[in-house]
Amino acid sequence: MRLANISHTIDGNKVTLSWIAVNGSNTVDLFLRDDKEETFNKLTTINMSAESYTFTLTRD
């Protein structure tokens, strides 16, 4: 399933993803794209009802 109304904010190296919960869904799988490898890597699975997730970016 793809979610509508996903947004993000960036504050330094912290990224917050937020969304509106969808009825009938329990969890959300979050993936990040690795441009070098041209793949998507799973970041986490979180409860849909949380409606946000914050993580820290690292740079090579």
PDB file of N, CA and C in Angstrom:
ATOM      1  N   MET A   1       0.832  -1.165   0.000  1.00  0.00           N
ATOM      2  CA  MET A   1       0.000   0.000   0.000  1.00  0.00           C
ATOM      3  C   MET A   1       0.885   1.239   0.000  1.00  0.00           C
ATOM      4  N   ARG A   2       0.474   2.239  -0.698  1.00  0.00           N
ATOM      5  CA  ARG A   2       1.158   3.522  -0.664  1.00  0.00           C
ATOM      6  C   ARG A   2       0.280   4.501   0.105  1.00  0.00           C
ATOM      7  N   LEU A   3       0.914   5.325   0.904  1.00  0.00           N
ATOM      8  CA  LEU A   3       0.179   6.292   1.709  1.00  0.00           C
ATOM      9  C   LEU A   3       0.175   7.652   1.044  1.00  0.00           C
ATOM     10  N   ALA A   4      -0.920   8.346   1.213  1.00  0.00           N
ATOM     11  CA  ALA A   4      -0.986   9.736   0.773  1.00  0.00           C
ATOM     12  C   ALA A   4      -0.630  10.619   1.964  1.00  0.00           C
ATOM     13  N   ASN A   5      -0.355  11.858   1.689  1.00  0.00           N
ATOM     14  CA  ASN A   5      -0.115  12.844   2.734  1.00  0.00           C
ATOM     15  C   ASN A   5       1.086  12.530   3.609  1.00  0.00           C
ATOM     16  N   ILE A   6       2.142  11.999   3.025  1.00  0.00           N
ATOM     17  CA  ILE A   6       3.390  11.802   3.760  1.00  0.00           C
ATOM     18  C   ILE A   6       4.196  13.083   3.618  1.00  0.00           C
ATOM     19  N   SER A   7       4.732  13.558   4.742  1.00  0.00           N
ATOM     20  CA  SER A   7       5.569  14.747   4.676  1.00  0.00           C
ATOM     21  C   SER A   7       6.833  14.497   5.488  1.00  0.00           C
ATOM     22  N   HIS A   8       7.784  15.401   5.326  1.00  0.00           N
ATOM     23  CA  HIS A   8       9.031  15.270   6.075  1.00  0.00           C
ATOM     24  C   HIS A   8       9.542  16.649   6.473  1.00  0.00           C
ATOM     25  N   THR A   9      10.306  16.666   7.556  1.00  0.00           N
ATOM     26  CA  THR A   9      11.029  17.859   7.964  1.00  0.00           C
ATOM     27  C   THR A   9      12.459  17.433   8.257  1.00  0.00           C
ATOM     28  N   ILE A  10      13.379  18.348   8.012  1.00  0.00           N
ATOM     29  CA  ILE A  10      14.796  18.093   8.275  1.00  0.00           C
ATOM     30  C   ILE A  10      15.310  19.208   9.165  1.00  0.00           C
ATOM     31  N   ASP A  11      15.941  18.813  10.266  1.00  0.00           N
ATOM     32  CA  ASP A  11      16.533  19.762  11.201  1.00  0.00           C
ATOM     33  C   ASP A  11      17.947  19.267  11.481  1.00  0.00           C
ATOM     34  N   GLY A  12      18.925  19.866  10.808  1.00  0.00           N
ATOM     35  CA  GLY A  12      20.301  19.376  10.901  1.00  0.00           C
ATOM     36  C   GLY A  12      20.384  18.004  10.271  1.00  0.00           C
ATOM     37  N   ASN A  13      20.756  16.994  11.065  1.00  0.00           N
ATOM     38  CA  ASN A  13      20.829  15.644  10.515  1.00  0.00           C
ATOM     39  C   ASN A  13      19.662  14.773  10.988  1.00  0.00           C
ATOM     40  N   LYS A  14      18.641  15.397  11.591  1.00  0.00           N
ATOM     41  CA  LYS A  14      17.453  14.660  12.027  1.00  0.00           C
ATOM     42  C   LYS A  14      16.324  14.844  11.017  1.00  0.00           C
ATOM     43  N   VAL A  15      15.718  13.724  10.622  1.00  0.00           N
ATOM     44  CA  VAL A  15      14.614  13.723   9.668  1.00  0.00           C
ATOM     45  C   VAL A  15      13.381  13.180  10.375  1.00  0.00           C
ATOM     46  N   THR A  16      12.277  13.872  10.225  1.00  0.00           N
ATOM     47  CA  THR A  16      11.009  13.386  10.759  1.00  0.00           C
ATOM     48  C   THR A  16      10.053  13.164   9.599  1.00  0.00           C
ATOM     49  N   LEU A  17       9.564  11.939   9.496  1.00  0.00           N
ATOM     50  CA  LEU A  17       8.529  11.588   8.535  1.00  0.00           C
ATOM     51  C   LEU A  17       7.204  11.596   9.273  1.00  0.00           C
ATOM     52  N   SER A  18       6.167  12.113   8.646  1.00  0.00           N
ATOM     53  CA  SER A  18       4.849  12.097   9.272  1.00  0.00           C
ATOM     54  C   SER A  18       3.800  11.767   8.228  1.00  0.00           C
ATOM     55  N   TRP A  19       2.697  11.197   8.690  1.00  0.00           N
ATOM     56  CA  TRP A  19       1.630  10.754   7.798  1.00  0.00           C
ATOM     57  C   TRP A  19       0.320  10.742   8.556  1.00  0.00           C
ATOM     58  N   ILE A  20      -0.747  10.568   7.818  1.00  0.00           N
ATOM     59  CA  ILE A  20      -2.074  10.418   8.402  1.00  0.00           C
ATOM     60  C   ILE A  20      -2.391   8.930   8.402  1.00  0.00           C
ATOM     61  N   ALA A  21      -2.749   8.389   9.563  1.00  0.00           N
ATOM     62  CA  ALA A  21      -3.033   6.958   9.679  1.00  0.00           C
ATOM     63  C   ALA A  21      -4.172   6.560   8.733  1.00  0.00           C
ATOM     64  N   VAL A  22      -4.047   5.366   8.154  1.00  0.00           N
ATOM     65  CA  VAL A  22      -5.045   4.821   7.244  1.00  0.00           C
ATOM     66  C   VAL A  22      -5.798   3.718   7.985  1.00  0.00           C
ATOM     67  N   ASN A  23      -7.119   3.807   8.001  1.00  0.00           N
ATOM     68  CA  ASN A  23      -7.921   2.773   8.654  1.00  0.00           C
ATOM     69  C   ASN A  23      -7.642   1.418   8.014  1.00  0.00           C
ATOM     70  N   GLY A  24      -7.548   0.391   8.847  1.00  0.00           N
ATOM     71  CA  GLY A  24      -7.342  -0.964   8.347  1.00  0.00           C
ATOM     72  C   GLY A  24      -5.886  -1.368   8.231  1.00  0.00           C
ATOM     73  N   SER A  25      -4.969  -0.448   8.503  1.00  0.00           N
ATOM     74  CA  SER A  25      -3.544  -0.765   8.452  1.00  0.00           C
ATOM     75  C   SER A  25      -2.968  -0.674   9.857  1.00  0.00           C
ATOM     76  N   ASN A  26      -2.176  -1.676  10.222  1.00  0.00           N
ATOM     77  CA  ASN A  26      -1.586  -1.704  11.553  1.00  0.00           C
ATOM     78  C   ASN A  26      -0.178  -1.146  11.601  1.00  0.00           C
ATOM     79  N   THR A  27       0.602  -1.401  10.550  1.00  0.00           N
ATOM     80  CA  THR A  27       2.005  -0.991  10.548  1.00  0.00           C
ATOM     81  C   THR A  27       2.394  -0.338   9.232  1.00  0.00           C
ATOM     82  N   VAL A  28       3.524   0.359   9.274  1.00  0.00           N
ATOM     83  CA  VAL A  28       4.112   0.994   8.094  1.00  0.00           C
ATOM     84  C   VAL A  28       5.555   0.512   7.995  1.00  0.00           C
ATOM     85  N   ASP A  29       5.966   0.047   6.829  1.00  0.00           N
ATOM     86  CA  ASP A  29       7.365  -0.278   6.561  1.00  0.00           C
ATOM     87  C   ASP A  29       7.989   0.945   5.900  1.00  0.00           C
ATOM     88  N   LEU A  30       9.064   1.442   6.496  1.00  0.00           N
ATOM     89  CA  LEU A  30       9.757   2.610   5.950  1.00  0.00           C
ATOM     90  C   LEU A  30      11.058   2.169   5.301  1.00  0.00           C
ATOM     91  N   PHE A  31      11.316   2.654   4.086  1.00  0.00           N
ATOM     92  CA  PHE A  31      12.513   2.318   3.328  1.00  0.00           C
ATOM     93  C   PHE A  31      13.235   3.589   2.926  1.00  0.00           C
ATOM     94  N   LEU A  32      14.549   3.513   2.829  1.00  0.00           N
ATOM     95  CA  LEU A  32      15.372   4.602   2.299  1.00  0.00           C
ATOM     96  C   LEU A  32      16.032   4.134   1.016  1.00  0.00           C
ATOM     97  N   ARG A  33      16.103   5.022   0.062  1.00  0.00           N
ATOM     98  CA  ARG A  33      16.757   4.687  -1.211  1.00  0.00           C
ATOM     99  C   ARG A  33      18.260   4.907  -1.093  1.00  0.00           C
ATOM    100  N   ASP A  34      19.021   3.930  -1.523  1.00  0.00           N
ATOM    101  CA  ASP A  34      20.480   4.027  -1.606  1.00  0.00           C
ATOM    102  C   ASP A  34      20.803   4.309  -3.065  1.00  0.00           C
ATOM    103  N   ASP A  35      21.125   5.570  -3.361  1.00  0.00           N
ATOM    104  CA  ASP A  35      21.374   5.955  -4.750  1.00  0.00           C
ATOM    105  C   ASP A  35      22.583   5.248  -5.352  1.00  0.00           C
ATOM    106  N   LYS A  36      23.606   4.990  -4.543  1.00  0.00           N
ATOM    107  CA  LYS A  36      24.802   4.314  -5.059  1.00  0.00           C
ATOM    108  C   LYS A  36      24.491   2.888  -5.495  1.00  0.00           C
ATOM    109  N   GLU A  37      23.718   2.184  -4.673  1.00  0.00           N
ATOM    110  CA  GLU A  37      23.380   0.787  -4.963  1.00  0.00           C
ATOM    111  C   GLU A  37      22.119   0.646  -5.795  1.00  0.00           C
ATOM    112  N   GLU A  38      21.386   1.754  -5.954  1.00  0.00           N
ATOM    113  CA  GLU A  38      20.108   1.759  -6.664  1.00  0.00           C
ATOM    114  C   GLU A  38      19.137   0.738  -6.081  1.00  0.00           C
ATOM    115  N   THR A  39      19.065   0.727  -4.746  1.00  0.00           N
ATOM    116  CA  THR A  39      18.161  -0.174  -4.039  1.00  0.00           C
ATOM    117  C   THR A  39      17.444   0.595  -2.933  1.00  0.00           C
ATOM    118  N   PHE A  40      16.443  -0.045  -2.373  1.00  0.00           N
ATOM    119  CA  PHE A  40      15.753   0.478  -1.204  1.00  0.00           C
ATOM    120  C   PHE A  40      16.099  -0.411  -0.028  1.00  0.00           C
ATOM    121  N   ASN A  41      16.504   0.198   1.084  1.00  0.00           N
ATOM    122  CA  ASN A  41      16.850  -0.540   2.294  1.00  0.00           C
ATOM    123  C   ASN A  41      15.815  -0.250   3.370  1.00  0.00           C
ATOM    124  N   LYS A  42      15.332  -1.311   4.001  1.00  0.00           N
ATOM    125  CA  LYS A  42      14.312  -1.142   5.035  1.00  0.00           C
ATOM    126  C   LYS A  42      14.916  -0.440   6.243  1.00  0.00           C
ATOM    127  N   LEU A  43      14.274   0.646   6.643  1.00  0.00           N
ATOM    128  CA  LEU A  43      14.696   1.422   7.797  1.00  0.00           C
ATOM    129  C   LEU A  43      14.060   0.861   9.071  1.00  0.00           C
ATOM    130  N   THR A  44      12.749   0.641   9.027  1.00  0.00           N
ATOM    131  CA  THR A  44      12.029   0.150  10.205  1.00  0.00           C
ATOM    132  C   THR A  44      10.603  -0.210   9.840  1.00  0.00           C
ATOM    133  N   THR A  45       9.942  -0.857  10.774  1.00  0.00           N
ATOM    134  CA  THR A  45       8.492  -1.050  10.742  1.00  0.00           C
ATOM    135  C   THR A  45       7.945  -0.369  11.986  1.00  0.00           C
ATOM    136  N   ILE A  46       6.929   0.444  11.810  1.00  0.00           N
ATOM    137  CA  ILE A  46       6.378   1.229  12.927  1.00  0.00           C
ATOM    138  C   ILE A  46       4.853   1.137  12.888  1.00  0.00           C
ATOM    139  N   ASN A  47       4.222   1.312  14.032  1.00  0.00           N
ATOM    140  CA  ASN A  47       2.764   1.309  14.082  1.00  0.00           C
ATOM    141  C   ASN A  47       2.204   2.464  13.256  1.00  0.00           C
ATOM    142  N   MET A  48       1.202   2.166  12.452  1.00  0.00           N
ATOM    143  CA  MET A  48       0.555   3.187  11.629  1.00  0.00           C
ATOM    144  C   MET A  48       0.050   4.336  12.496  1.00  0.00           C
ATOM    145  N   SER A  49      -0.479   3.998  13.672  1.00  0.00           N
ATOM    146  CA  SER A  49      -1.078   5.014  14.540  1.00  0.00           C
ATOM    147  C   SER A  49      -0.061   5.992  15.119  1.00  0.00           C
ATOM    148  N   ALA A  50       1.229   5.694  15.034  1.00  0.00           N
ATOM    149  CA  ALA A  50       2.260   6.613  15.544  1.00  0.00           C
ATOM    150  C   ALA A  50       2.252   7.929  14.768  1.00  0.00           C
ATOM    151  N   GLU A  51       1.956   7.859  13.498  1.00  0.00           N
ATOM    152  CA  GLU A  51       1.854   9.003  12.588  1.00  0.00           C
ATOM    153  C   GLU A  51       3.127   9.834  12.443  1.00  0.00           C
ATOM    154  N   SER A  52       4.252   9.353  12.989  1.00  0.00           N
ATOM    155  CA  SER A  52       5.533  10.017  12.723  1.00  0.00           C
ATOM    156  C   SER A  52       6.678   9.102  13.132  1.00  0.00           C
ATOM    157  N   TYR A  53       7.839   9.376  12.535  1.00  0.00           N
ATOM    158  CA  TYR A  53       9.058   8.635  12.862  1.00  0.00           C
ATOM    159  C   TYR A  53      10.233   9.565  12.635  1.00  0.00           C
ATOM    160  N   THR A  54      11.137   9.657  13.604  1.00  0.00           N
ATOM    161  CA  THR A  54      12.316  10.507  13.490  1.00  0.00           C
ATOM    162  C   THR A  54      13.564   9.640  13.497  1.00  0.00           C
ATOM    163  N   PHE A  55      14.502   9.955  12.602  1.00  0.00           N
ATOM    164  CA  PHE A  55      15.768   9.236  12.554  1.00  0.00           C
ATOM    165  C   PHE A  55      16.892  10.212  12.230  1.00  0.00           C
ATOM    166  N   THR A  56      18.120   9.754  12.448  1.00  0.00           N
ATOM    167  CA  THR A  56      19.298  10.581  12.224  1.00  0.00           C
ATOM    168  C   THR A  56      20.018  10.130  10.965  1.00  0.00           C
ATOM    169  N   LEU A  57      20.326  11.083  10.096  1.00  0.00           N
ATOM    170  CA  LEU A  57      21.086  10.800   8.882  1.00  0.00           C
ATOM    171  C   LEU A  57      22.576  10.786   9.190  1.00  0.00           C
ATOM    172  N   THR A  58      23.288   9.902   8.529  1.00  0.00           N
ATOM    173  CA  THR A  58      24.741   9.918   8.572  1.00  0.00           C
ATOM    174  C   THR A  58      25.232  10.118   7.148  1.00  0.00           C
ATOM    175  N   ARG A  59      26.321  10.760   7.007  1.00  0.00           N
ATOM    176  CA  ARG A  59      26.874  11.048   5.667  1.00  0.00           C
ATOM    177  C   ARG A  59      28.194  10.316   5.507  1.00  0.00           C
ATOM    178  N   ASP A  60      28.470   9.842   4.268  1.00  0.00           N
ATOM    179  CA  ASP A  60      29.760   9.195   3.998  1.00  0.00           C
ATOM    180  C   ASP A  60      30.800  10.262   3.752  1.00  0.00           C
TER     181      ASP A  60
END
